[in-house]
Amino acid sequence: MEPINKTEQTILQVSENLFSQHGWQRVSISEICDEAKVSRVTFYRYFKNKNALLKHIFLQKQERVTAHYATLLEESKNIEEVIKGIFSYQENALNQFFTPNVLKDFDQNQDPELIEFFQMQHERKYHFLDQFFSELQAKKIIDADYPTVLIHQYLKTMDHLMFNEVVQEAYGENKSTLRQDILKLIMFGLSGPKK
């Protein structure tokens, strides 16, 4: 992504705050402009519409996740350190942006443009995670005998579980616990982490 100027950064920060508080579906461009103290003309100079703004925010977050995982690969010496780093990052993300209101908007999203965008991001995520787990295998942090294709399909199954209505109903509003439990299952299996 190209470097951004102060006005664009203000719009992005204000939008993130409003989206995390209310969800993106319940925030209008007018509210963003009012809060950012910019005109609609200024807003449209940087973003074609609210979807373009939302996509920009998600792409920024994806870059940060990629950088964080690269640091984990570089610095972690065992699976517990990897898990701790992932949990810590996820917890911050859930507290800062991926709040219950934002997660609810994901669940209720009917916008074809955003559905396609999020699907593309899922595919990018799988590609990235394939590389991430291959690196963990190369560093002998996880078992090198598992074929990457098996790990890939396992991750897709875990994603399917995360969005399964019965599973979501069981966790209710506590989706952060669901994400952590699924991550533990991926990394530790049914035995869970060593105490």
N, C-alpha and C. Protein backbone atom coordinates (compact mmCIF):
# COMPACT_ATOMS: atom_id res chain seq x y z
N MET A 1 0.83 -1.19 0.00
CA MET A 1 0.00 0.00 0.00
C MET A 1 0.87 1.24 0.00
N GLU A 2 0.37 2.30 -0.64
CA GLU A 2 1.11 3.55 -0.69
C GLU A 2 1.04 4.25 0.66
N PRO A 3 2.07 5.09 0.95
CA PRO A 3 2.01 5.87 2.19
C PRO A 3 0.78 6.77 2.19
N ILE A 4 0.23 7.01 3.37
CA ILE A 4 -0.98 7.83 3.44
C ILE A 4 -0.70 9.14 4.15
N ASN A 5 -1.45 10.19 3.78
CA ASN A 5 -1.22 11.49 4.41
C ASN A 5 -2.08 11.64 5.66
N LYS A 6 -1.93 12.78 6.33
CA LYS A 6 -2.57 12.99 7.63
C LYS A 6 -4.10 12.96 7.55
N THR A 7 -4.67 13.58 6.52
CA THR A 7 -6.13 13.61 6.37
C THR A 7 -6.68 12.20 6.15
N GLU A 8 -6.05 11.46 5.27
CA GLU A 8 -6.47 10.09 5.00
C GLU A 8 -6.34 9.24 6.27
N GLN A 9 -5.25 9.43 7.00
CA GLN A 9 -5.04 8.69 8.25
C GLN A 9 -6.13 9.02 9.26
N THR A 10 -6.53 10.28 9.33
CA THR A 10 -7.61 10.69 10.25
C THR A 10 -8.91 9.99 9.88
N ILE A 11 -9.24 9.99 8.59
CA ILE A 11 -10.46 9.32 8.13
C ILE A 11 -10.43 7.84 8.50
N LEU A 12 -9.29 7.21 8.29
CA LEU A 12 -9.15 5.79 8.60
C LEU A 12 -9.29 5.52 10.10
N GLN A 13 -8.64 6.33 10.92
CA GLN A 13 -8.72 6.12 12.37
C GLN A 13 -10.13 6.34 12.90
N VAL A 14 -10.76 7.42 12.44
CA VAL A 14 -12.13 7.70 12.86
C VAL A 14 -13.06 6.57 12.43
N SER A 15 -12.90 6.10 11.20
CA SER A 15 -13.74 5.02 10.69
C SER A 15 -13.56 3.75 11.50
N GLU A 16 -12.31 3.40 11.78
CA GLU A 16 -12.05 2.20 12.59
C GLU A 16 -12.74 2.30 13.95
N ASN A 17 -12.63 3.47 14.57
CA ASN A 17 -13.27 3.67 15.88
C ASN A 17 -14.78 3.52 15.79
N LEU A 18 -15.38 4.19 14.80
CA LEU A 18 -16.83 4.12 14.64
C LEU A 18 -17.29 2.71 14.29
N PHE A 19 -16.57 2.05 13.38
CA PHE A 19 -16.94 0.69 12.99
C PHE A 19 -16.84 -0.25 14.19
N SER A 20 -15.77 -0.12 14.98
CA SER A 20 -15.61 -1.02 16.13
C SER A 20 -16.72 -0.80 17.17
N GLN A 21 -17.19 0.45 17.29
CA GLN A 21 -18.26 0.75 18.25
C GLN A 21 -19.64 0.32 17.76
N HIS A 22 -19.90 0.50 16.47
CA HIS A 22 -21.26 0.32 15.95
C HIS A 22 -21.38 -0.74 14.85
N GLY A 23 -20.27 -1.21 14.29
CA GLY A 23 -20.31 -2.06 13.10
C GLY A 23 -20.34 -1.17 11.88
N TRP A 24 -19.78 -1.64 10.77
CA TRP A 24 -19.70 -0.78 9.59
C TRP A 24 -21.06 -0.53 8.93
N GLN A 25 -22.00 -1.46 9.12
CA GLN A 25 -23.30 -1.30 8.45
C GLN A 25 -24.13 -0.17 9.06
N ARG A 26 -23.85 0.18 10.31
CA ARG A 26 -24.64 1.20 10.99
C ARG A 26 -23.95 2.56 11.05
N VAL A 27 -22.85 2.70 10.32
CA VAL A 27 -22.12 3.98 10.29
C VAL A 27 -22.22 4.55 8.88
N SER A 28 -22.62 5.81 8.78
CA SER A 28 -22.75 6.45 7.46
C SER A 28 -21.49 7.26 7.13
N ILE A 29 -21.34 7.57 5.87
CA ILE A 29 -20.23 8.43 5.44
C ILE A 29 -20.35 9.80 6.11
N SER A 30 -21.57 10.30 6.24
CA SER A 30 -21.78 11.59 6.91
C SER A 30 -21.25 11.57 8.34
N GLU A 31 -21.52 10.48 9.06
CA GLU A 31 -21.03 10.38 10.44
C GLU A 31 -19.50 10.35 10.48
N ILE A 32 -18.91 9.63 9.53
CA ILE A 32 -17.44 9.57 9.45
C ILE A 32 -16.89 10.97 9.19
N CYS A 33 -17.48 11.68 8.23
CA CYS A 33 -17.02 13.03 7.89
C CYS A 33 -17.16 13.99 9.08
N ASP A 34 -18.29 13.90 9.77
CA ASP A 34 -18.52 14.76 10.94
C ASP A 34 -17.46 14.50 12.01
N GLU A 35 -17.25 13.23 12.30
CA GLU A 35 -16.30 12.86 13.35
C GLU A 35 -14.85 13.21 12.96
N ALA A 36 -14.54 13.04 11.67
CA ALA A 36 -13.18 13.33 11.19
C ALA A 36 -12.97 14.81 10.90
N LYS A 37 -14.07 15.56 10.93
CA LYS A 37 -14.04 17.01 10.62
C LYS A 37 -13.49 17.26 9.21
N VAL A 38 -14.05 16.49 8.26
CA VAL A 38 -13.72 16.69 6.85
C VAL A 38 -15.02 16.75 6.06
N SER A 39 -14.96 17.36 4.89
CA SER A 39 -16.14 17.42 4.03
C SER A 39 -16.30 16.10 3.28
N ARG A 40 -17.50 15.91 2.73
CA ARG A 40 -17.74 14.71 1.90
C ARG A 40 -16.84 14.73 0.67
N VAL A 41 -16.57 15.92 0.14
CA VAL A 41 -15.67 16.06 -1.02
C VAL A 41 -14.29 15.52 -0.66
N THR A 42 -13.83 15.88 0.54
CA THR A 42 -12.52 15.39 0.99
C THR A 42 -12.55 13.87 1.15
N PHE A 43 -13.62 13.36 1.75
CA PHE A 43 -13.75 11.90 1.91
C PHE A 43 -13.62 11.21 0.55
N TYR A 44 -14.38 11.71 -0.44
CA TYR A 44 -14.40 11.06 -1.76
C TYR A 44 -13.09 11.26 -2.53
N ARG A 45 -12.27 12.19 -2.09
CA ARG A 45 -10.95 12.34 -2.70
C ARG A 45 -10.09 11.10 -2.40
N TYR A 46 -10.33 10.50 -1.24
CA TYR A 46 -9.52 9.37 -0.81
C TYR A 46 -10.20 8.01 -1.01
N PHE A 47 -11.53 7.99 -0.90
CA PHE A 47 -12.26 6.72 -0.96
C PHE A 47 -13.50 6.87 -1.83
N LYS A 48 -13.66 5.94 -2.76
CA LYS A 48 -14.78 5.99 -3.70
C LYS A 48 -16.13 5.87 -2.97
N ASN A 49 -16.15 5.06 -1.92
CA ASN A 49 -17.37 4.84 -1.14
C ASN A 49 -16.99 4.14 0.17
N LYS A 50 -17.98 3.80 0.97
CA LYS A 50 -17.69 3.18 2.27
C LYS A 50 -17.07 1.78 2.09
N ASN A 51 -17.47 1.06 1.06
CA ASN A 51 -16.88 -0.25 0.81
C ASN A 51 -15.37 -0.13 0.53
N ALA A 52 -15.00 0.88 -0.25
CA ALA A 52 -13.58 1.09 -0.56
C ALA A 52 -12.80 1.40 0.72
N LEU A 53 -13.41 2.19 1.59
CA LEU A 53 -12.80 2.51 2.88
C LEU A 53 -12.63 1.25 3.72
N LEU A 54 -13.69 0.46 3.81
CA LEU A 54 -13.65 -0.78 4.59
C LEU A 54 -12.59 -1.73 4.05
N LYS A 55 -12.52 -1.87 2.74
CA LYS A 55 -11.51 -2.74 2.14
C LYS A 55 -10.11 -2.26 2.49
N HIS A 56 -9.90 -0.94 2.43
CA HIS A 56 -8.59 -0.37 2.77
C HIS A 56 -8.20 -0.74 4.20
N ILE A 57 -9.16 -0.59 5.12
CA ILE A 57 -8.90 -0.92 6.53
C ILE A 57 -8.52 -2.39 6.66
N PHE A 58 -9.25 -3.27 5.99
CA PHE A 58 -8.95 -4.70 6.08
C PHE A 58 -7.60 -5.05 5.47
N LEU A 59 -7.25 -4.41 4.36
CA LEU A 59 -5.95 -4.67 3.75
C LEU A 59 -4.82 -4.20 4.65
N GLN A 60 -5.01 -3.06 5.31
CA GLN A 60 -4.01 -2.59 6.29
C GLN A 60 -3.85 -3.60 7.41
N LYS A 61 -4.96 -4.10 7.90
CA LYS A 61 -4.91 -5.06 9.00
C LYS A 61 -4.24 -6.35 8.55
N GLN A 62 -4.51 -6.75 7.31
CA GLN A 62 -3.88 -7.95 6.78
C GLN A 62 -2.36 -7.79 6.71
N GLU A 63 -1.90 -6.61 6.31
CA GLU A 63 -0.45 -6.34 6.27
C GLU A 63 0.15 -6.46 7.67
N ARG A 64 -0.57 -5.94 8.67
CA ARG A 64 -0.07 -6.01 10.05
C ARG A 64 -0.01 -7.46 10.54
N VAL A 65 -1.04 -8.23 10.20
CA VAL A 65 -1.05 -9.65 10.59
C VAL A 65 0.13 -10.37 9.96
N THR A 66 0.36 -10.13 8.68
CA THR A 66 1.47 -10.78 7.97
C THR A 66 2.80 -10.44 8.63
N ALA A 67 2.98 -9.17 8.97
CA ALA A 67 4.22 -8.75 9.63
C ALA A 67 4.36 -9.41 11.01
N HIS A 68 3.24 -9.49 11.75
CA HIS A 68 3.27 -10.10 13.08
C HIS A 68 3.63 -11.58 12.98
N TYR A 69 3.04 -12.28 12.04
CA TYR A 69 3.32 -13.71 11.89
C TYR A 69 4.75 -13.93 11.43
N ALA A 70 5.28 -13.03 10.60
CA ALA A 70 6.68 -13.14 10.18
C ALA A 70 7.60 -13.00 11.39
N THR A 71 7.27 -12.09 12.30
CA THR A 71 8.04 -11.92 13.53
C THR A 71 7.95 -13.17 14.40
N LEU A 72 6.74 -13.74 14.49
CA LEU A 72 6.58 -14.98 15.25
C LEU A 72 7.47 -16.09 14.70
N LEU A 73 7.50 -16.22 13.38
CA LEU A 73 8.33 -17.24 12.75
C LEU A 73 9.81 -17.03 13.08
N GLU A 74 10.20 -15.78 13.08
CA GLU A 74 11.60 -15.45 13.32
C GLU A 74 12.01 -15.69 14.77
N GLU A 75 11.11 -15.35 15.70
CA GLU A 75 11.49 -15.32 17.10
C GLU A 75 11.06 -16.54 17.92
N SER A 76 10.03 -17.26 17.49
CA SER A 76 9.50 -18.37 18.29
C SER A 76 10.39 -19.60 18.19
N LYS A 77 10.53 -20.26 19.35
CA LYS A 77 11.36 -21.46 19.39
C LYS A 77 10.54 -22.73 19.60
N ASN A 78 9.26 -22.58 19.98
CA ASN A 78 8.40 -23.75 20.17
C ASN A 78 6.95 -23.36 19.91
N ILE A 79 6.08 -24.37 19.87
CA ILE A 79 4.68 -24.15 19.52
C ILE A 79 3.97 -23.29 20.56
N GLU A 80 4.35 -23.41 21.82
CA GLU A 80 3.72 -22.60 22.87
C GLU A 80 3.96 -21.11 22.62
N GLU A 81 5.17 -20.75 22.21
CA GLU A 81 5.47 -19.35 21.92
C GLU A 81 4.66 -18.85 20.72
N VAL A 82 4.51 -19.72 19.72
CA VAL A 82 3.71 -19.36 18.54
C VAL A 82 2.26 -19.10 18.95
N ILE A 83 1.70 -20.05 19.72
CA ILE A 83 0.31 -19.93 20.16
C ILE A 83 0.12 -18.68 21.01
N LYS A 84 1.03 -18.44 21.95
CA LYS A 84 0.94 -17.26 22.81
C LYS A 84 0.94 -15.99 21.97
N GLY A 85 1.81 -15.93 20.95
CA GLY A 85 1.87 -14.77 20.07
C GLY A 85 0.60 -14.59 19.26
N ILE A 86 0.03 -15.69 18.79
CA ILE A 86 -1.21 -15.61 18.01
C ILE A 86 -2.37 -15.19 18.91
N PHE A 87 -2.47 -15.81 20.10
CA PHE A 87 -3.54 -15.44 21.04
C PHE A 87 -3.48 -13.97 21.40
N SER A 88 -2.28 -13.51 21.73
CA SER A 88 -2.10 -12.12 22.13
C SER A 88 -2.53 -11.18 21.02
N TYR A 89 -2.13 -11.50 19.79
CA TYR A 89 -2.48 -10.65 18.65
C TYR A 89 -4.00 -10.68 18.41
N GLN A 90 -4.58 -11.87 18.48
CA GLN A 90 -6.03 -11.99 18.27
C GLN A 90 -6.81 -11.23 19.34
N GLU A 91 -6.35 -11.33 20.58
CA GLU A 91 -7.03 -10.64 21.67
C GLU A 91 -7.03 -9.13 21.44
N ASN A 92 -5.87 -8.60 21.03
CA ASN A 92 -5.79 -7.17 20.73
C ASN A 92 -6.73 -6.80 19.58
N ALA A 93 -6.74 -7.62 18.54
CA ALA A 93 -7.60 -7.35 17.38
C ALA A 93 -9.07 -7.35 17.77
N LEU A 94 -9.46 -8.31 18.62
CA LEU A 94 -10.86 -8.40 19.06
C LEU A 94 -11.24 -7.21 19.93
N ASN A 95 -10.30 -6.73 20.72
CA ASN A 95 -10.58 -5.58 21.58
C ASN A 95 -10.59 -4.27 20.80
N GLN A 96 -9.75 -4.18 19.77
CA GLN A 96 -9.59 -2.91 19.07
C GLN A 96 -10.51 -2.74 17.87
N PHE A 97 -10.68 -3.78 17.07
CA PHE A 97 -11.50 -3.60 15.87
C PHE A 97 -12.55 -4.69 15.67
N PHE A 98 -12.15 -5.95 15.83
CA PHE A 98 -13.08 -7.05 15.55
C PHE A 98 -13.97 -7.30 16.76
N THR A 99 -14.72 -6.27 17.10
CA THR A 99 -15.63 -6.28 18.25
C THR A 99 -16.89 -7.08 17.89
N PRO A 100 -17.75 -7.37 18.88
CA PRO A 100 -19.01 -8.07 18.56
C PRO A 100 -19.82 -7.38 17.46
N ASN A 101 -19.82 -6.04 17.40
CA ASN A 101 -20.58 -5.34 16.36
C ASN A 101 -20.00 -5.59 14.97
N VAL A 102 -18.69 -5.62 14.86
CA VAL A 102 -18.05 -5.89 13.56
C VAL A 102 -18.28 -7.35 13.17
N LEU A 103 -18.12 -8.27 14.13
CA LEU A 103 -18.34 -9.69 13.84
C LEU A 103 -19.79 -9.95 13.43
N LYS A 104 -20.72 -9.22 14.06
CA LYS A 104 -22.14 -9.34 13.69
C LYS A 104 -22.35 -8.90 12.24
N ASP A 105 -21.66 -7.82 11.84
CA ASP A 105 -21.78 -7.36 10.45
C ASP A 105 -21.24 -8.40 9.47
N PHE A 106 -20.17 -9.11 9.85
CA PHE A 106 -19.68 -10.20 9.00
C PHE A 106 -20.78 -11.24 8.81
N ASP A 107 -21.41 -11.62 9.93
CA ASP A 107 -22.45 -12.64 9.89
C ASP A 107 -23.64 -12.21 9.02
N GLN A 108 -23.97 -10.92 9.05
CA GLN A 108 -25.17 -10.43 8.38
C GLN A 108 -24.88 -9.79 7.02
N ASN A 109 -23.63 -9.77 6.60
CA ASN A 109 -23.27 -9.10 5.36
C ASN A 109 -23.95 -9.74 4.15
N GLN A 110 -24.63 -8.91 3.36
CA GLN A 110 -25.30 -9.38 2.14
C GLN A 110 -24.78 -8.65 0.89
N ASP A 111 -23.80 -7.78 1.08
CA ASP A 111 -23.27 -6.97 -0.02
C ASP A 111 -22.41 -7.85 -0.94
N PRO A 112 -22.81 -8.04 -2.21
CA PRO A 112 -22.06 -8.93 -3.10
C PRO A 112 -20.59 -8.52 -3.28
N GLU A 113 -20.35 -7.21 -3.33
CA GLU A 113 -18.97 -6.73 -3.49
C GLU A 113 -18.12 -7.12 -2.29
N LEU A 114 -18.67 -6.95 -1.09
CA LEU A 114 -17.93 -7.31 0.12
C LEU A 114 -17.82 -8.82 0.29
N ILE A 115 -18.85 -9.54 -0.09
CA ILE A 115 -18.78 -11.01 -0.03
C ILE A 115 -17.63 -11.51 -0.90
N GLU A 116 -17.52 -10.97 -2.11
CA GLU A 116 -16.42 -11.35 -3.01
C GLU A 116 -15.06 -10.95 -2.43
N PHE A 117 -14.99 -9.74 -1.87
CA PHE A 117 -13.75 -9.26 -1.28
C PHE A 117 -13.32 -10.15 -0.12
N PHE A 118 -14.25 -10.46 0.80
CA PHE A 118 -13.89 -11.29 1.95
C PHE A 118 -13.52 -12.71 1.51
N GLN A 119 -14.16 -13.20 0.45
CA GLN A 119 -13.79 -14.52 -0.07
C GLN A 119 -12.36 -14.50 -0.60
N MET A 120 -12.00 -13.44 -1.32
CA MET A 120 -10.63 -13.30 -1.82
C MET A 120 -9.64 -13.23 -0.66
N GLN A 121 -10.01 -12.52 0.40
CA GLN A 121 -9.13 -12.42 1.57
C GLN A 121 -8.97 -13.77 2.24
N HIS A 122 -10.04 -14.57 2.26
CA HIS A 122 -9.94 -15.93 2.81
C HIS A 122 -8.93 -16.75 2.02
N GLU A 123 -9.01 -16.66 0.69
CA GLU A 123 -8.07 -17.41 -0.14
C GLU A 123 -6.63 -16.96 0.09
N ARG A 124 -6.43 -15.65 0.22
CA ARG A 124 -5.09 -15.12 0.52
C ARG A 124 -4.62 -15.62 1.87
N LYS A 125 -5.55 -15.67 2.83
CA LYS A 125 -5.21 -16.15 4.17
C LYS A 125 -4.74 -17.60 4.10
N TYR A 126 -5.45 -18.45 3.36
CA TYR A 126 -5.05 -19.85 3.25
C TYR A 126 -3.68 -19.98 2.61
N HIS A 127 -3.43 -19.21 1.58
CA HIS A 127 -2.13 -19.25 0.92
C HIS A 127 -1.04 -18.84 1.91
N PHE A 128 -1.28 -17.76 2.65
CA PHE A 128 -0.32 -17.30 3.64
C PHE A 128 -0.10 -18.36 4.73
N LEU A 129 -1.19 -18.96 5.23
CA LEU A 129 -1.07 -19.95 6.29
C LEU A 129 -0.35 -21.21 5.81
N ASP A 130 -0.53 -21.57 4.53
CA ASP A 130 0.24 -22.69 3.98
C ASP A 130 1.74 -22.42 4.14
N GLN A 131 2.15 -21.21 3.78
CA GLN A 131 3.56 -20.83 3.90
C GLN A 131 3.98 -20.79 5.38
N PHE A 132 3.11 -20.23 6.22
CA PHE A 132 3.40 -20.13 7.65
C PHE A 132 3.65 -21.51 8.26
N PHE A 133 2.76 -22.46 7.98
CA PHE A 133 2.91 -23.80 8.54
C PHE A 133 4.09 -24.55 7.92
N SER A 134 4.38 -24.30 6.66
CA SER A 134 5.57 -24.89 6.05
C SER A 134 6.83 -24.41 6.75
N GLU A 135 6.86 -23.12 7.08
CA GLU A 135 8.00 -22.56 7.81
C GLU A 135 8.10 -23.16 9.21
N LEU A 136 6.95 -23.33 9.87
CA LEU A 136 6.97 -23.96 11.20
C LEU A 136 7.51 -25.39 11.10
N GLN A 137 7.16 -26.09 10.02
CA GLN A 137 7.70 -27.43 9.81
C GLN A 137 9.20 -27.39 9.56
N ALA A 138 9.63 -26.44 8.73
CA ALA A 138 11.06 -26.32 8.41
C ALA A 138 11.88 -26.02 9.67
N LYS A 139 11.28 -25.25 10.60
CA LYS A 139 11.97 -24.93 11.86
C LYS A 139 11.80 -26.04 12.90
N LYS A 140 11.08 -27.10 12.53
CA LYS A 140 10.81 -28.24 13.42
C LYS A 140 10.01 -27.84 14.66
N ILE A 141 9.17 -26.81 14.50
CA ILE A 141 8.29 -26.39 15.58
C ILE A 141 7.02 -27.25 15.57
N ILE A 142 6.59 -27.67 14.38
CA ILE A 142 5.49 -28.64 14.27
C ILE A 142 5.99 -29.82 13.45
N ASP A 143 5.26 -30.92 13.53
CA ASP A 143 5.65 -32.17 12.87
C ASP A 143 5.79 -31.97 11.37
N ALA A 144 6.95 -32.30 10.85
CA ALA A 144 7.24 -32.11 9.42
C ALA A 144 6.63 -33.19 8.55
N ASP A 145 6.09 -34.24 9.17
CA ASP A 145 5.53 -35.35 8.38
C ASP A 145 4.13 -35.06 7.84
N TYR A 146 3.45 -34.07 8.41
CA TYR A 146 2.11 -33.75 7.90
C TYR A 146 2.23 -33.05 6.55
N PRO A 147 1.55 -33.57 5.51
CA PRO A 147 1.58 -32.86 4.23
C PRO A 147 0.87 -31.51 4.36
N THR A 148 1.39 -30.51 3.69
CA THR A 148 0.81 -29.17 3.75
C THR A 148 -0.65 -29.19 3.31
N VAL A 149 -0.98 -30.03 2.34
CA VAL A 149 -2.36 -30.10 1.85
C VAL A 149 -3.30 -30.55 2.96
N LEU A 150 -2.83 -31.43 3.84
CA LEU A 150 -3.66 -31.89 4.96
C LEU A 150 -3.88 -30.74 5.94
N ILE A 151 -2.82 -30.00 6.25
CA ILE A 151 -2.95 -28.84 7.15
C ILE A 151 -3.91 -27.82 6.55
N HIS A 152 -3.77 -27.59 5.24
CA HIS A 152 -4.62 -26.63 4.53
C HIS A 152 -6.10 -27.01 4.67
N GLN A 153 -6.40 -28.28 4.43
CA GLN A 153 -7.79 -28.73 4.52
C GLN A 153 -8.29 -28.71 5.95
N TYR A 154 -7.40 -28.98 6.89
CA TYR A 154 -7.76 -28.91 8.30
C TYR A 154 -8.14 -27.49 8.69
N LEU A 155 -7.36 -26.51 8.21
CA LEU A 155 -7.67 -25.10 8.48
C LEU A 155 -9.02 -24.71 7.88
N LYS A 156 -9.31 -25.20 6.69
CA LYS A 156 -10.61 -24.91 6.06
C LYS A 156 -11.75 -25.51 6.89
N THR A 157 -11.53 -26.69 7.41
CA THR A 157 -12.53 -27.33 8.27
C THR A 157 -12.75 -26.51 9.53
N MET A 158 -11.66 -26.00 10.10
CA MET A 158 -11.77 -25.17 11.30
C MET A 158 -12.54 -23.88 10.99
N ASP A 159 -12.28 -23.29 9.83
CA ASP A 159 -13.03 -22.09 9.42
C ASP A 159 -14.51 -22.41 9.28
N HIS A 160 -14.80 -23.57 8.68
CA HIS A 160 -16.19 -23.99 8.51
C HIS A 160 -16.87 -24.10 9.88
N LEU A 161 -16.16 -24.67 10.85
CA LEU A 161 -16.71 -24.79 12.20
C LEU A 161 -16.96 -23.42 12.82
N MET A 162 -16.04 -22.48 12.56
CA MET A 162 -16.18 -21.15 13.16
C MET A 162 -17.46 -20.47 12.71
N PHE A 163 -17.89 -20.75 11.47
CA PHE A 163 -19.08 -20.08 10.95
C PHE A 163 -20.32 -20.98 10.97
N ASN A 164 -20.18 -22.16 11.55
CA ASN A 164 -21.31 -23.07 11.68
C ASN A 164 -22.32 -22.50 12.68
N GLU A 165 -23.60 -22.44 12.28
CA GLU A 165 -24.63 -21.82 13.11
C GLU A 165 -24.79 -22.51 14.46
N VAL A 166 -24.72 -23.84 14.48
CA VAL A 166 -24.89 -24.58 15.74
C VAL A 166 -23.75 -24.25 16.69
N VAL A 167 -22.51 -24.22 16.17
CA VAL A 167 -21.34 -23.91 17.00
C VAL A 167 -21.43 -22.47 17.49
N GLN A 168 -21.78 -21.54 16.59
CA GLN A 168 -21.88 -20.13 16.98
C GLN A 168 -22.95 -19.95 18.05
N GLU A 169 -24.05 -20.66 17.91
CA GLU A 169 -25.14 -20.57 18.90
C GLU A 169 -24.65 -21.03 20.27
N ALA A 170 -23.84 -22.10 20.28
CA ALA A 170 -23.33 -22.63 21.55
C ALA A 170 -22.43 -21.61 22.26
N TYR A 171 -21.71 -20.81 21.48
CA TYR A 171 -20.80 -19.82 22.07
C TYR A 171 -21.48 -18.47 22.31
N GLY A 172 -22.64 -18.26 21.68
CA GLY A 172 -23.37 -17.01 21.87
C GLY A 172 -22.55 -15.81 21.47
N GLU A 173 -22.49 -14.83 22.35
CA GLU A 173 -21.76 -13.59 22.08
C GLU A 173 -20.26 -13.73 22.30
N ASN A 174 -19.83 -14.86 22.82
CA ASN A 174 -18.43 -15.02 23.20
C ASN A 174 -17.61 -15.62 22.05
N LYS A 175 -17.56 -14.90 20.92
CA LYS A 175 -16.88 -15.44 19.74
C LYS A 175 -15.36 -15.46 19.90
N SER A 176 -14.82 -14.62 20.77
CA SER A 176 -13.37 -14.65 20.97
C SER A 176 -12.95 -15.99 21.56
N THR A 177 -13.76 -16.55 22.47
CA THR A 177 -13.46 -17.86 23.04
C THR A 177 -13.55 -18.94 21.96
N LEU A 178 -14.53 -18.83 21.08
CA LEU A 178 -14.66 -19.79 19.97
C LEU A 178 -13.40 -19.78 19.12
N ARG A 179 -12.92 -18.59 18.75
CA ARG A 179 -11.71 -18.49 17.93
C ARG A 179 -10.50 -19.10 18.65
N GLN A 180 -10.40 -18.83 19.94
CA GLN A 180 -9.27 -19.38 20.71
C GLN A 180 -9.36 -20.90 20.81
N ASP A 181 -10.57 -21.42 21.04
CA ASP A 181 -10.73 -22.87 21.13
C ASP A 181 -10.38 -23.55 19.81
N ILE A 182 -10.80 -22.94 18.71
CA ILE A 182 -10.49 -23.52 17.40
C ILE A 182 -8.98 -23.48 17.15
N LEU A 183 -8.34 -22.39 17.53
CA LEU A 183 -6.89 -22.28 17.37
C LEU A 183 -6.17 -23.33 18.21
N LYS A 184 -6.65 -23.56 19.45
CA LYS A 184 -6.06 -24.60 20.29
C LYS A 184 -6.22 -25.98 19.65
N LEU A 185 -7.40 -26.23 19.08
CA LEU A 185 -7.62 -27.52 18.40
C LEU A 185 -6.65 -27.70 17.24
N ILE A 186 -6.42 -26.61 16.48
CA ILE A 186 -5.50 -26.70 15.35
C ILE A 186 -4.10 -27.03 15.85
N MET A 187 -3.65 -26.33 16.87
CA MET A 187 -2.28 -26.46 17.29
C MET A 187 -1.99 -27.62 18.23
N PHE A 188 -2.96 -27.97 19.08
CA PHE A 188 -2.69 -28.97 20.11
C PHE A 188 -3.50 -30.24 19.97
N GLY A 189 -4.56 -30.22 19.17
CA GLY A 189 -5.44 -31.38 19.09
C GLY A 189 -6.32 -31.47 20.33
N LEU A 190 -6.99 -32.58 20.52
CA LEU A 190 -7.95 -32.72 21.60
C LEU A 190 -7.30 -32.77 22.98
N SER A 191 -6.00 -33.09 23.04
CA SER A 191 -5.32 -33.15 24.33
C SER A 191 -5.12 -31.77 24.92
N GLY A 192 -5.17 -30.73 24.09
CA GLY A 192 -4.97 -29.37 24.57
C GLY A 192 -3.51 -29.09 24.89
N PRO A 193 -3.20 -27.85 25.27
CA PRO A 193 -1.82 -27.51 25.58
C PRO A 193 -1.33 -28.22 26.83
N LYS A 194 -0.02 -28.43 26.91
CA LYS A 194 0.56 -29.06 28.11
C LYS A 194 0.45 -28.08 29.26
N LYS A 195 0.06 -28.60 30.41
CA LYS A 195 -0.09 -27.76 31.61
C LYS A 195 1.24 -27.61 32.30
